[in-house]
Amino acid sequence: MENLLEIKNLRTNFTTSNGVVQAVRGINISLDKGECLGIVGESGCGKSVTMMSILKLLDDNAVVSADEIKFKGIDLMDKDAKFMRTLLGSGIGMVFQDPLTSLNPLYTIGNQIMEPIKIHTNMSSKDARAKAVELLRLVGIPSPESRLKQYPHELSGGMRQRVMIAIAISCEPDLLVADEPTTALDVTIQAQILDLMVDLKNKINTSIILISHDLGIISGMCERVIVMYGGMVMEEGSIDDIFYKTSHPYTKGLLNSIPKIENGKREKLVPIFGSPPDLLNPPKGCPFSGRCDYAMKICGSHLPGMKEISQSHRSACWMLHPKAATLSKGVLTNG
């Protein structure tokens, strides 16, 4: 497989009046051409910030560092705003979480779709308009010619999300980042949006990074999954690894929180008790140790490294230590 994106040791801090928030703490991500990667975790775990850091879309109070951020072999760490404007849209497209606030209420749908086309391809207005109509038709919007003249508030939530996808793929980017693309949509529209993204991926061979807290959506779209918590990667693996060979207690907690019906009977949801860590003062050890039923003494004082379980499956948990299975809770030390 051709490597498209490579991120090593990404860290993002936000300077606030209360101190420095360590939102992303040493993330490593790789993505192949044509692959669909899911990033899951609770709200505030660093999913969106990770992608916004790569695309340099964060506010001025953000400090981003990394050993390496490479897209198609190009190091993005030292690139300026002018280069990123050229890259965004043509090389990387993004579908933001809330289309109503992401679309400009003062411009028509047609203007907003045509703008990146004219900027990145130098098409004439006539050709860009024809391309915009084609894109709206591609994403399943009826009467695309008349929709070009409408404003965002005149469209439903599902149609606005389709417009966002049309804008994101207007220049056929190599990578599409979708940040909670089905939030606040009903289940029927959710299914349509996800089917649309899979169809587009197959048609133009676009790689996708899908950010979501919904494991059901991830299982239906992605080939590989990264599970984040407290600004760090807890587990990474294929769909089968994450759903059927779960290793990390946090991933198990997420899976147990999904509503289930077995033999026609509804099972009780099993919540993850406690609260996420305070990233102003993150814990020294595993960020999940305060909520983990299997936490040992070492979990609260030392970060676990990523343990390779198989060629496709890795997890950061002290329970994978060779002594963990034979020692009682709280006994395992740093030795």
C-alpha atoms as a PDB file:
ATOM      1  CA  MET A   1       0.000   0.000   0.000  1.00  0.00           C
ATOM      2  CA  GLU A   2       1.122   3.559  -0.764  1.00  0.00           C
ATOM      3  CA  ASN A   3       1.621   5.624   2.397  1.00  0.00           C
ATOM      4  CA  LEU A   4      -0.387   8.859   2.258  1.00  0.00           C
ATOM      5  CA  LEU A   5      -0.127  10.369   5.749  1.00  0.00           C
ATOM      6  CA  GLU A   6       2.459   9.815   8.461  1.00  0.00           C
ATOM      7  CA  ILE A   7       2.295  11.504  11.877  1.00  0.00           C
ATOM      8  CA  LYS A   8       4.861  10.884  14.600  1.00  0.00           C
ATOM      9  CA  ASN A   9       4.698  12.142  18.197  1.00  0.00           C
ATOM     10  CA  LEU A  10       2.119  14.877  17.616  1.00  0.00           C
ATOM     11  CA  ARG A  11       1.561  17.127  20.624  1.00  0.00           C
ATOM     12  CA  THR A  12      -0.879  20.041  20.881  1.00  0.00           C
ATOM     13  CA  ASN A  13      -1.109  22.380  23.860  1.00  0.00           C
ATOM     14  CA  PHE A  14      -3.477  25.285  24.431  1.00  0.00           C
ATOM     15  CA  THR A  15      -2.383  28.258  26.523  1.00  0.00           C
ATOM     16  CA  THR A  16      -5.301  29.415  28.672  1.00  0.00           C
ATOM     17  CA  SER A  17      -5.798  31.735  31.636  1.00  0.00           C
ATOM     18  CA  ASN A  18      -5.915  28.643  33.877  1.00  0.00           C
ATOM     19  CA  GLY A  19      -2.742  27.084  32.498  1.00  0.00           C
ATOM     20  CA  VAL A  20      -1.623  24.875  29.606  1.00  0.00           C
ATOM     21  CA  VAL A  21      -4.120  22.277  28.373  1.00  0.00           C
ATOM     22  CA  GLN A  22      -2.286  19.241  26.964  1.00  0.00           C
ATOM     23  CA  ALA A  23      -4.970  18.278  24.443  1.00  0.00           C
ATOM     24  CA  VAL A  24      -2.906  15.864  22.326  1.00  0.00           C
ATOM     25  CA  ARG A  25      -0.033  13.966  23.909  1.00  0.00           C
ATOM     26  CA  GLY A  26       2.229  12.044  21.544  1.00  0.00           C
ATOM     27  CA  ILE A  27      -0.080  10.714  18.825  1.00  0.00           C
ATOM     28  CA  ASN A  28       1.235   8.468  16.035  1.00  0.00           C
ATOM     29  CA  ILE A  29      -0.951   7.900  12.956  1.00  0.00           C
ATOM     30  CA  SER A  30      -0.300   6.348   9.557  1.00  0.00           C
ATOM     31  CA  LEU A  31      -2.735   6.171   6.658  1.00  0.00           C
ATOM     32  CA  ASP A  32      -2.468   4.363   3.334  1.00  0.00           C
ATOM     33  CA  LYS A  33      -3.857   5.485   0.019  1.00  0.00           C
ATOM     34  CA  GLY A  34      -7.497   4.424  -0.367  1.00  0.00           C
ATOM     35  CA  GLU A  35      -7.820   3.417   3.308  1.00  0.00           C
ATOM     36  CA  CYS A  36     -10.656   4.424   5.640  1.00  0.00           C
ATOM     37  CA  LEU A  37      -9.425   5.043   9.190  1.00  0.00           C
ATOM     38  CA  GLY A  38     -11.750   5.630  12.139  1.00  0.00           C
ATOM     39  CA  ILE A  39     -10.819   7.680  15.217  1.00  0.00           C
ATOM     40  CA  VAL A  40     -13.114   7.107  18.197  1.00  0.00           C
ATOM     41  CA  GLY A  41     -13.332   8.198  21.797  1.00  0.00           C
ATOM     42  CA  GLU A  42     -15.341  10.282  24.234  1.00  0.00           C
ATOM     43  CA  SER A  43     -15.870  14.010  23.728  1.00  0.00           C
ATOM     44  CA  GLY A  44     -12.726  15.926  24.660  1.00  0.00           C
ATOM     45  CA  CYS A  45     -10.322  13.044  24.048  1.00  0.00           C
ATOM     46  CA  GLY A  46      -8.456  14.931  21.287  1.00  0.00           C
ATOM     47  CA  LYS A  47      -9.961  13.467  18.096  1.00  0.00           C
ATOM     48  CA  SER A  48     -10.859  16.714  16.355  1.00  0.00           C
ATOM     49  CA  VAL A  49      -7.877  18.628  17.740  1.00  0.00           C
ATOM     50  CA  THR A  50      -5.547  16.013  16.239  1.00  0.00           C
ATOM     51  CA  MET A  51      -6.887  16.621  12.734  1.00  0.00           C
ATOM     52  CA  MET A  52      -7.122  20.399  13.167  1.00  0.00           C
ATOM     53  CA  SER A  53      -3.480  20.385  14.308  1.00  0.00           C
ATOM     54  CA  ILE A  54      -2.376  18.635  11.132  1.00  0.00           C
ATOM     55  CA  LEU A  55      -4.338  21.051   8.948  1.00  0.00           C
ATOM     56  CA  LYS A  56      -3.167  24.107  10.958  1.00  0.00           C
ATOM     57  CA  LEU A  57      -6.714  25.296  11.607  1.00  0.00           C
ATOM     58  CA  LEU A  58      -6.352  25.984  15.328  1.00  0.00           C
ATOM     59  CA  ASP A  59      -6.411  29.342  17.110  1.00  0.00           C
ATOM     60  CA  ASP A  60      -3.285  31.307  17.954  1.00  0.00           C
ATOM     61  CA  ASN A  61      -3.162  29.988  21.514  1.00  0.00           C
ATOM     62  CA  ALA A  62      -2.402  26.473  20.205  1.00  0.00           C
ATOM     63  CA  VAL A  63       1.183  25.209  20.180  1.00  0.00           C
ATOM     64  CA  VAL A  64       1.681  22.226  17.856  1.00  0.00           C
ATOM     65  CA  SER A  65       4.828  20.113  17.736  1.00  0.00           C
ATOM     66  CA  ALA A  66       5.702  16.784  16.148  1.00  0.00           C
ATOM     67  CA  ASP A  67       8.691  14.738  15.105  1.00  0.00           C
ATOM     68  CA  GLU A  68       7.070  14.398  11.691  1.00  0.00           C
ATOM     69  CA  ILE A  69       3.875  15.272   9.836  1.00  0.00           C
ATOM     70  CA  LYS A  70       4.154  14.090   6.246  1.00  0.00           C
ATOM     71  CA  PHE A  71       1.463  14.146   3.589  1.00  0.00           C
ATOM     72  CA  LYS A  72       2.403  12.421   0.313  1.00  0.00           C
ATOM     73  CA  GLY A  73       6.017  12.643   1.455  1.00  0.00           C
ATOM     74  CA  ILE A  74       5.853  16.415   2.061  1.00  0.00           C
ATOM     75  CA  ASP A  75       6.721  17.611   5.562  1.00  0.00           C
ATOM     76  CA  LEU A  76       3.951  19.977   6.701  1.00  0.00           C
ATOM     77  CA  MET A  77       5.614  21.117   9.922  1.00  0.00           C
ATOM     78  CA  ASP A  78       7.461  24.062   8.375  1.00  0.00           C
ATOM     79  CA  LYS A  79       4.848  25.014   5.775  1.00  0.00           C
ATOM     80  CA  ASP A  80       3.295  28.481   5.943  1.00  0.00           C
ATOM     81  CA  ALA A  81      -0.343  29.560   5.655  1.00  0.00           C
ATOM     82  CA  LYS A  82      -0.045  30.171   1.909  1.00  0.00           C
ATOM     83  CA  PHE A  83       1.070  26.594   1.259  1.00  0.00           C
ATOM     84  CA  MET A  84      -1.670  25.197   3.507  1.00  0.00           C
ATOM     85  CA  ARG A  85      -4.326  27.178   1.620  1.00  0.00           C
ATOM     86  CA  THR A  86      -3.090  25.536  -1.557  1.00  0.00           C
ATOM     87  CA  LEU A  87      -3.127  22.084   0.040  1.00  0.00           C
ATOM     88  CA  LEU A  88      -6.519  22.363   1.737  1.00  0.00           C
ATOM     89  CA  GLY A  89      -9.208  21.647  -0.791  1.00  0.00           C
ATOM     90  CA  SER A  90      -6.962  20.246  -3.488  1.00  0.00           C
ATOM     91  CA  GLY A  91      -5.016  17.667  -1.440  1.00  0.00           C
ATOM     92  CA  ILE A  92      -7.092  17.438   1.739  1.00  0.00           C
ATOM     93  CA  GLY A  93     -10.817  18.101   2.089  1.00  0.00           C
ATOM     94  CA  MET A  94     -12.646  18.393   5.383  1.00  0.00           C
ATOM     95  CA  VAL A  95     -16.282  17.889   6.347  1.00  0.00           C
ATOM     96  CA  PHE A  96     -16.853  19.846   9.555  1.00  0.00           C
ATOM     97  CA  GLN A  97     -19.089  18.746  12.390  1.00  0.00           C
ATOM     98  CA  ASP A  98     -21.841  21.364  12.048  1.00  0.00           C
ATOM     99  CA  PRO A  99     -22.657  22.322   8.439  1.00  0.00           C
ATOM    100  CA  LEU A 100     -24.914  25.219   9.438  1.00  0.00           C
ATOM    101  CA  THR A 101     -22.087  27.050  11.215  1.00  0.00           C
ATOM    102  CA  SER A 102     -19.460  25.947   8.668  1.00  0.00           C
ATOM    103  CA  LEU A 103     -21.335  27.281   5.644  1.00  0.00           C
ATOM    104  CA  ASN A 104     -21.405  31.051   5.153  1.00  0.00           C
ATOM    105  CA  PRO A 105     -24.988  32.300   5.595  1.00  0.00           C
ATOM    106  CA  LEU A 106     -24.337  35.324   3.344  1.00  0.00           C
ATOM    107  CA  TYR A 107     -23.404  33.353   0.220  1.00  0.00           C
ATOM    108  CA  THR A 108     -25.425  31.005  -1.932  1.00  0.00           C
ATOM    109  CA  ILE A 109     -24.660  27.302  -2.065  1.00  0.00           C
ATOM    110  CA  GLY A 110     -23.424  27.762  -5.625  1.00  0.00           C
ATOM    111  CA  ASN A 111     -20.915  30.438  -4.641  1.00  0.00           C
ATOM    112  CA  GLN A 112     -19.519  28.310  -1.841  1.00  0.00           C
ATOM    113  CA  ILE A 113     -19.059  25.215  -4.010  1.00  0.00           C
ATOM    114  CA  MET A 114     -17.616  27.159  -6.935  1.00  0.00           C
ATOM    115  CA  GLU A 115     -15.056  29.085  -4.864  1.00  0.00           C
ATOM    116  CA  PRO A 116     -12.565  26.234  -4.197  1.00  0.00           C
ATOM    117  CA  ILE A 117     -13.014  24.952  -7.757  1.00  0.00           C
ATOM    118  CA  LYS A 118     -12.048  28.331  -9.227  1.00  0.00           C
ATOM    119  CA  ILE A 119      -9.161  28.770  -6.783  1.00  0.00           C
ATOM    120  CA  HIS A 120      -7.564  25.344  -7.182  1.00  0.00           C
ATOM    121  CA  THR A 121      -8.335  24.513 -10.811  1.00  0.00           C
ATOM    122  CA  ASN A 122      -8.494  27.952 -12.492  1.00  0.00           C
ATOM    123  CA  MET A 123     -11.793  26.995 -14.143  1.00  0.00           C
ATOM    124  CA  SER A 124     -13.951  29.707 -15.652  1.00  0.00           C
ATOM    125  CA  SER A 125     -17.141  30.674 -13.810  1.00  0.00           C
ATOM    126  CA  LYS A 126     -19.208  28.837 -16.407  1.00  0.00           C
ATOM    127  CA  ASP A 127     -17.214  25.602 -16.058  1.00  0.00           C
ATOM    128  CA  ALA A 128     -17.125  25.896 -12.266  1.00  0.00           C
ATOM    129  CA  ARG A 129     -20.905  26.260 -12.188  1.00  0.00           C
ATOM    130  CA  ALA A 130     -21.301  23.145 -14.337  1.00  0.00           C
ATOM    131  CA  LYS A 131     -18.941  21.300 -11.980  1.00  0.00           C
ATOM    132  CA  ALA A 132     -20.959  22.472  -8.963  1.00  0.00           C
ATOM    133  CA  VAL A 133     -24.164  21.125 -10.514  1.00  0.00           C
ATOM    134  CA  GLU A 134     -22.414  17.819 -11.197  1.00  0.00           C
ATOM    135  CA  LEU A 135     -21.201  17.615  -7.589  1.00  0.00           C
ATOM    136  CA  LEU A 136     -24.648  18.282  -6.142  1.00  0.00           C
ATOM    137  CA  ARG A 137     -26.056  15.583  -8.364  1.00  0.00           C
ATOM    138  CA  LEU A 138     -23.260  13.234  -7.271  1.00  0.00           C
ATOM    139  CA  VAL A 139     -24.079  13.730  -3.574  1.00  0.00           C
ATOM    140  CA  GLY A 140     -27.748  13.050  -4.203  1.00  0.00           C
ATOM    141  CA  ILE A 141     -29.306  16.513  -4.031  1.00  0.00           C
ATOM    142  CA  PRO A 142     -32.386  16.824  -6.284  1.00  0.00           C
ATOM    143  CA  SER A 143     -32.832  19.755  -8.705  1.00  0.00           C
ATOM    144  CA  PRO A 144     -29.181  20.799  -8.357  1.00  0.00           C
ATOM    145  CA  GLU A 145     -29.480  23.745 -10.741  1.00  0.00           C
ATOM    146  CA  SER A 146     -32.045  25.484  -8.539  1.00  0.00           C
ATOM    147  CA  ARG A 147     -30.216  24.561  -5.307  1.00  0.00           C
ATOM    148  CA  LEU A 148     -27.193  26.599  -6.407  1.00  0.00           C
ATOM    149  CA  LYS A 149     -29.234  29.778  -5.876  1.00  0.00           C
ATOM    150  CA  GLN A 150     -30.336  28.862  -2.363  1.00  0.00           C
ATOM    151  CA  TYR A 151     -28.758  29.844   0.966  1.00  0.00           C
ATOM    152  CA  PRO A 152     -27.738  27.376   3.720  1.00  0.00           C
ATOM    153  CA  HIS A 153     -30.754  28.166   5.933  1.00  0.00           C
ATOM    154  CA  GLU A 154     -33.079  27.104   3.108  1.00  0.00           C
ATOM    155  CA  LEU A 155     -31.776  23.517   3.171  1.00  0.00           C
ATOM    156  CA  SER A 156     -32.410  20.682   5.623  1.00  0.00           C
ATOM    157  CA  GLY A 157     -29.637  19.361   7.877  1.00  0.00           C
ATOM    158  CA  GLY A 158     -29.019  16.345   5.670  1.00  0.00           C
ATOM    159  CA  MET A 159     -28.825  18.471   2.528  1.00  0.00           C
ATOM    160  CA  ARG A 160     -26.435  20.933   4.162  1.00  0.00           C
ATOM    161  CA  GLN A 161     -24.181  18.020   5.100  1.00  0.00           C
ATOM    162  CA  ARG A 162     -24.287  16.820   1.496  1.00  0.00           C
ATOM    163  CA  VAL A 163     -23.284  20.317   0.381  1.00  0.00           C
ATOM    164  CA  MET A 164     -20.335  20.188   2.799  1.00  0.00           C
ATOM    165  CA  ILE A 165     -19.263  16.883   1.288  1.00  0.00           C
ATOM    166  CA  ALA A 166     -19.632  18.340  -2.218  1.00  0.00           C
ATOM    167  CA  ILE A 167     -17.348  21.236  -1.263  1.00  0.00           C
ATOM    168  CA  ALA A 168     -14.836  18.887   0.376  1.00  0.00           C
ATOM    169  CA  ILE A 169     -14.547  16.637  -2.700  1.00  0.00           C
ATOM    170  CA  SER A 170     -14.878  19.405  -5.312  1.00  0.00           C
ATOM    171  CA  CYS A 171     -11.198  19.186  -6.240  1.00  0.00           C
ATOM    172  CA  GLU A 172     -10.948  15.401  -5.776  1.00  0.00           C
ATOM    173  CA  PRO A 173      -8.628  15.460  -2.742  1.00  0.00           C
ATOM    174  CA  ASP A 174      -6.418  12.541  -1.826  1.00  0.00           C
ATOM    175  CA  LEU A 175      -7.683  12.676   1.779  1.00  0.00           C
ATOM    176  CA  LEU A 176     -11.145  13.423   3.134  1.00  0.00           C
ATOM    177  CA  VAL A 177     -11.399  14.201   6.865  1.00  0.00           C
ATOM    178  CA  ALA A 178     -14.955  13.807   8.165  1.00  0.00           C
ATOM    179  CA  ASP A 179     -15.472  15.161  11.686  1.00  0.00           C
ATOM    180  CA  GLU A 180     -18.705  13.710  13.116  1.00  0.00           C
ATOM    181  CA  PRO A 181     -20.420  14.057   9.715  1.00  0.00           C
ATOM    182  CA  THR A 182     -23.729  12.572  10.931  1.00  0.00           C
ATOM    183  CA  THR A 183     -24.161  14.502  14.192  1.00  0.00           C
ATOM    184  CA  ALA A 184     -27.749  15.729  14.776  1.00  0.00           C
ATOM    185  CA  LEU A 185     -29.053  13.840  11.733  1.00  0.00           C
ATOM    186  CA  ASP A 186     -31.763  11.199  12.005  1.00  0.00           C
ATOM    187  CA  VAL A 187     -30.759   7.586  11.424  1.00  0.00           C
ATOM    188  CA  THR A 188     -32.143   7.435   7.883  1.00  0.00           C
ATOM    189  CA  ILE A 189     -30.139  10.488   6.784  1.00  0.00           C
ATOM    190  CA  GLN A 190     -27.101   9.165   8.675  1.00  0.00           C
ATOM    191  CA  ALA A 191     -27.203   5.960   6.624  1.00  0.00           C
ATOM    192  CA  GLN A 192     -27.534   7.943   3.391  1.00  0.00           C
ATOM    193  CA  ILE A 193     -24.547  10.179   4.240  1.00  0.00           C
ATOM    194  CA  LEU A 194     -22.359   7.188   5.157  1.00  0.00           C
ATOM    195  CA  ASP A 195     -23.353   5.284   2.017  1.00  0.00           C
ATOM    196  CA  LEU A 196     -22.535   8.396   0.013  1.00  0.00           C
ATOM    197  CA  MET A 197     -19.044   8.660   1.538  1.00  0.00           C
ATOM    198  CA  VAL A 198     -18.310   4.985   0.836  1.00  0.00           C
ATOM    199  CA  ASP A 199     -19.539   5.394  -2.728  1.00  0.00           C
ATOM    200  CA  LEU A 200     -17.363   8.486  -3.264  1.00  0.00           C
ATOM    201  CA  LYS A 201     -14.351   6.720  -1.747  1.00  0.00           C
ATOM    202  CA  ASN A 202     -14.753   3.920  -4.274  1.00  0.00           C
ATOM    203  CA  LYS A 203     -15.340   6.274  -7.202  1.00  0.00           C
ATOM    204  CA  ILE A 204     -12.401   8.657  -6.719  1.00  0.00           C
ATOM    205  CA  ASN A 205     -10.155   6.444  -4.496  1.00  0.00           C
ATOM    206  CA  THR A 206     -10.067   9.007  -1.703  1.00  0.00           C
ATOM    207  CA  SER A 207      -8.660   8.035   1.682  1.00  0.00           C
ATOM    208  CA  ILE A 208     -10.962   8.871   4.598  1.00  0.00           C
ATOM    209  CA  ILE A 209     -10.355   9.699   8.242  1.00  0.00           C
ATOM    210  CA  LEU A 210     -13.693   9.407  10.025  1.00  0.00           C
ATOM    211  CA  ILE A 211     -13.906  11.004  13.477  1.00  0.00           C
ATOM    212  CA  SER A 212     -16.782   9.741  15.594  1.00  0.00           C
ATOM    213  CA  HIS A 213     -17.882   8.620  19.051  1.00  0.00           C
ATOM    214  CA  ASP A 214     -20.317   6.175  17.432  1.00  0.00           C
ATOM    215  CA  LEU A 215     -18.721   2.744  17.138  1.00  0.00           C
ATOM    216  CA  GLY A 216     -21.635   1.491  15.038  1.00  0.00           C
ATOM    217  CA  ILE A 217     -20.839   4.024  12.319  1.00  0.00           C
ATOM    218  CA  ILE A 218     -17.130   3.208  12.519  1.00  0.00           C
ATOM    219  CA  SER A 219     -17.755  -0.542  12.141  1.00  0.00           C
ATOM    220  CA  GLY A 220     -19.799   0.022   9.004  1.00  0.00           C
ATOM    221  CA  MET A 221     -17.293   2.235   7.208  1.00  0.00           C
ATOM    222  CA  CYS A 222     -13.716   1.777   8.374  1.00  0.00           C
ATOM    223  CA  GLU A 223     -11.048  -0.857   7.872  1.00  0.00           C
ATOM    224  CA  ARG A 224      -8.893   0.262  10.804  1.00  0.00           C
ATOM    225  CA  VAL A 225      -9.636   2.056  14.086  1.00  0.00           C
ATOM    226  CA  ILE A 226      -7.710   4.247  16.526  1.00  0.00           C
ATOM    227  CA  VAL A 227      -9.181   4.553  20.035  1.00  0.00           C
ATOM    228  CA  MET A 228      -8.239   7.785  21.843  1.00  0.00           C
ATOM    229  CA  TYR A 229      -8.556   8.841  25.463  1.00  0.00           C
ATOM    230  CA  GLY A 230      -6.989  11.701  27.404  1.00  0.00           C
ATOM    231  CA  GLY A 231      -5.171  12.981  24.327  1.00  0.00           C
ATOM    232  CA  MET A 232      -3.460   9.623  23.700  1.00  0.00           C
ATOM    233  CA  VAL A 233      -3.939   6.457  21.651  1.00  0.00           C
ATOM    234  CA  MET A 234      -5.209   3.618  23.830  1.00  0.00           C
ATOM    235  CA  GLU A 235      -5.654   0.944  21.168  1.00  0.00           C
ATOM    236  CA  GLU A 236      -5.234   0.584  17.422  1.00  0.00           C
ATOM    237  CA  GLY A 237      -6.242  -2.256  15.130  1.00  0.00           C
ATOM    238  CA  SER A 238      -8.439  -3.573  12.380  1.00  0.00           C
ATOM    239  CA  ILE A 239     -12.213  -3.672  12.767  1.00  0.00           C
ATOM    240  CA  ASP A 240     -12.002  -7.329  13.809  1.00  0.00           C
ATOM    241  CA  ASP A 241      -9.246  -6.555  16.328  1.00  0.00           C
ATOM    242  CA  ILE A 242     -11.166  -3.740  17.994  1.00  0.00           C
ATOM    243  CA  PHE A 243     -14.604  -5.352  18.041  1.00  0.00           C
ATOM    244  CA  TYR A 244     -13.802  -9.045  18.526  1.00  0.00           C
ATOM    245  CA  LYS A 245     -10.286  -9.143  20.032  1.00  0.00           C
ATOM    246  CA  THR A 246     -10.591  -6.100  22.271  1.00  0.00           C
ATOM    247  CA  SER A 247      -7.529  -5.551  24.430  1.00  0.00           C
ATOM    248  CA  HIS A 248      -7.764  -2.230  26.268  1.00  0.00           C
ATOM    249  CA  PRO A 249     -10.255  -1.804  29.167  1.00  0.00           C
ATOM    250  CA  TYR A 250     -11.319   1.580  27.778  1.00  0.00           C
ATOM    251  CA  THR A 251     -12.234   0.063  24.416  1.00  0.00           C
ATOM    252  CA  LYS A 252     -14.184  -2.632  26.257  1.00  0.00           C
ATOM    253  CA  GLY A 253     -15.993   0.109  28.148  1.00  0.00           C
ATOM    254  CA  LEU A 254     -16.966   1.851  24.912  1.00  0.00           C
ATOM    255  CA  LEU A 255     -18.267  -1.391  23.452  1.00  0.00           C
ATOM    256  CA  ASN A 256     -20.261  -2.159  26.616  1.00  0.00           C
ATOM    257  CA  SER A 257     -21.897   1.259  26.323  1.00  0.00           C
ATOM    258  CA  ILE A 258     -23.501   0.342  22.994  1.00  0.00           C
ATOM    259  CA  PRO A 259     -27.194  -0.662  23.257  1.00  0.00           C
ATOM    260  CA  LYS A 260     -27.610  -4.391  22.591  1.00  0.00           C
ATOM    261  CA  ILE A 261     -30.537  -6.703  21.985  1.00  0.00           C
ATOM    262  CA  GLU A 262     -29.758 -10.386  22.506  1.00  0.00           C
ATOM    263  CA  ASN A 263     -32.418 -13.024  21.725  1.00  0.00           C
ATOM    264  CA  GLY A 264     -35.079 -10.338  21.662  1.00  0.00           C
ATOM    265  CA  LYS A 265     -34.125  -9.081  25.148  1.00  0.00           C
ATOM    266  CA  ARG A 266     -32.760  -5.648  25.843  1.00  0.00           C
ATOM    267  CA  GLU A 267     -29.553  -5.639  27.838  1.00  0.00           C
ATOM    268  CA  LYS A 268     -28.716  -2.904  30.329  1.00  0.00           C
ATOM    269  CA  LEU A 269     -26.119  -0.365  29.288  1.00  0.00           C
ATOM    270  CA  VAL A 270     -22.900  -0.574  31.271  1.00  0.00           C
ATOM    271  CA  PRO A 271     -21.557   2.969  31.712  1.00  0.00           C
ATOM    272  CA  ILE A 272     -17.940   3.934  32.256  1.00  0.00           C
ATOM    273  CA  PHE A 273     -18.079   5.444  35.726  1.00  0.00           C
ATOM    274  CA  GLY A 274     -16.032   8.509  36.580  1.00  0.00           C
ATOM    275  CA  SER A 275     -14.859  11.480  34.539  1.00  0.00           C
ATOM    276  CA  PRO A 276     -12.138  11.992  31.909  1.00  0.00           C
ATOM    277  CA  PRO A 277      -8.786  13.282  33.197  1.00  0.00           C
ATOM    278  CA  ASP A 278      -8.075  16.985  33.636  1.00  0.00           C
ATOM    279  CA  LEU A 279      -5.663  17.769  30.808  1.00  0.00           C
ATOM    280  CA  LEU A 280      -4.473  20.889  32.620  1.00  0.00           C
ATOM    281  CA  ASN A 281      -2.826  18.400  34.995  1.00  0.00           C
ATOM    282  CA  PRO A 282      -2.848  15.037  33.211  1.00  0.00           C
ATOM    283  CA  PRO A 283      -2.031  11.924  35.257  1.00  0.00           C
ATOM    284  CA  LYS A 284       1.519  10.614  35.264  1.00  0.00           C
ATOM    285  CA  GLY A 285       0.405   7.122  34.339  1.00  0.00           C
ATOM    286  CA  CYS A 286      -2.299   5.716  32.097  1.00  0.00           C
ATOM    287  CA  PRO A 287      -4.994   8.400  31.609  1.00  0.00           C
ATOM    288  CA  PHE A 288      -7.715   5.766  32.077  1.00  0.00           C
ATOM    289  CA  SER A 289      -6.337   4.370  35.348  1.00  0.00           C
ATOM    290  CA  GLY A 290      -8.753   6.389  37.520  1.00  0.00           C
ATOM    291  CA  ARG A 291     -11.787   4.760  35.856  1.00  0.00           C
ATOM    292  CA  CYS A 292     -10.375   1.309  35.137  1.00  0.00           C
ATOM    293  CA  ASP A 293     -11.606  -1.768  37.027  1.00  0.00           C
ATOM    294  CA  TYR A 294      -8.283  -3.518  36.362  1.00  0.00           C
ATOM    295  CA  ALA A 295      -5.962  -0.681  37.448  1.00  0.00           C
ATOM    296  CA  MET A 296      -2.767  -1.725  39.198  1.00  0.00           C
ATOM    297  CA  LYS A 297      -0.299   0.331  41.193  1.00  0.00           C
ATOM    298  CA  ILE A 298       1.924   0.970  38.215  1.00  0.00           C
ATOM    299  CA  CYS A 299      -0.995   2.230  36.117  1.00  0.00           C
ATOM    300  CA  GLY A 300      -1.269   5.446  38.097  1.00  0.00           C
ATOM    301  CA  SER A 301       2.448   6.230  38.125  1.00  0.00           C
ATOM    302  CA  HIS A 302       3.872   5.120  34.761  1.00  0.00           C
ATOM    303  CA  LEU A 303       2.629   5.414  31.214  1.00  0.00           C
ATOM    304  CA  PRO A 304       2.327   2.044  29.454  1.00  0.00           C
ATOM    305  CA  GLY A 305       4.021   1.761  26.072  1.00  0.00           C
ATOM    306  CA  MET A 306       2.235   0.526  22.973  1.00  0.00           C
ATOM    307  CA  LYS A 307       2.351  -3.277  23.028  1.00  0.00           C
ATOM    308  CA  GLU A 308       2.151  -5.112  19.707  1.00  0.00           C
ATOM    309  CA  ILE A 309      -0.438  -7.869  19.985  1.00  0.00           C
ATOM    310  CA  SER A 310      -0.346  -8.828  16.315  1.00  0.00           C
ATOM    311  CA  GLN A 311       0.826  -7.309  13.049  1.00  0.00           C
ATOM    312  CA  SER A 312      -2.314  -5.153  12.887  1.00  0.00           C
ATOM    313  CA  HIS A 313      -3.169  -4.757  16.575  1.00  0.00           C
ATOM    314  CA  ARG A 314      -1.520  -2.607  19.268  1.00  0.00           C
ATOM    315  CA  SER A 315      -2.607  -1.535  22.737  1.00  0.00           C
ATOM    316  CA  ALA A 316      -1.249   0.658  25.548  1.00  0.00           C
ATOM    317  CA  CYS A 317      -2.090  -1.262  28.720  1.00  0.00           C
ATOM    318  CA  TRP A 318      -0.083  -2.641  31.636  1.00  0.00           C
ATOM    319  CA  MET A 319      -2.379  -5.692  31.651  1.00  0.00           C
ATOM    320  CA  LEU A 320      -0.390  -6.870  28.634  1.00  0.00           C
ATOM    321  CA  HIS A 321       2.764  -7.006  30.732  1.00  0.00           C
ATOM    322  CA  PRO A 322       3.930 -10.649  31.018  1.00  0.00           C
ATOM    323  CA  LYS A 323       3.720 -10.490  34.844  1.00  0.00           C
ATOM    324  CA  ALA A 324       0.242  -8.943  34.952  1.00  0.00           C
ATOM    325  CA  ALA A 325      -1.618 -12.229  34.583  1.00  0.00           C
ATOM    326  CA  THR A 326       0.068 -13.787  37.607  1.00  0.00           C
ATOM    327  CA  LEU A 327       0.213 -10.823  39.969  1.00  0.00           C
ATOM    328  CA  SER A 328      -2.622  -9.522  42.127  1.00  0.00           C
ATOM    329  CA  LYS A 329      -4.190  -6.137  41.596  1.00  0.00           C
ATOM    330  CA  GLY A 330      -1.929  -3.356  42.842  1.00  0.00           C
ATOM    331  CA  VAL A 331       1.202  -5.536  43.137  1.00  0.00           C
ATOM    332  CA  LEU A 332       2.929  -5.024  39.765  1.00  0.00           C
ATOM    333  CA  THR A 333       5.707  -2.424  40.066  1.00  0.00           C
ATOM    334  CA  ASN A 334       7.966  -0.708  37.590  1.00  0.00           C
ATOM    335  CA  GLY A 335      10.399  -3.614  37.732  1.00  0.00           C
END
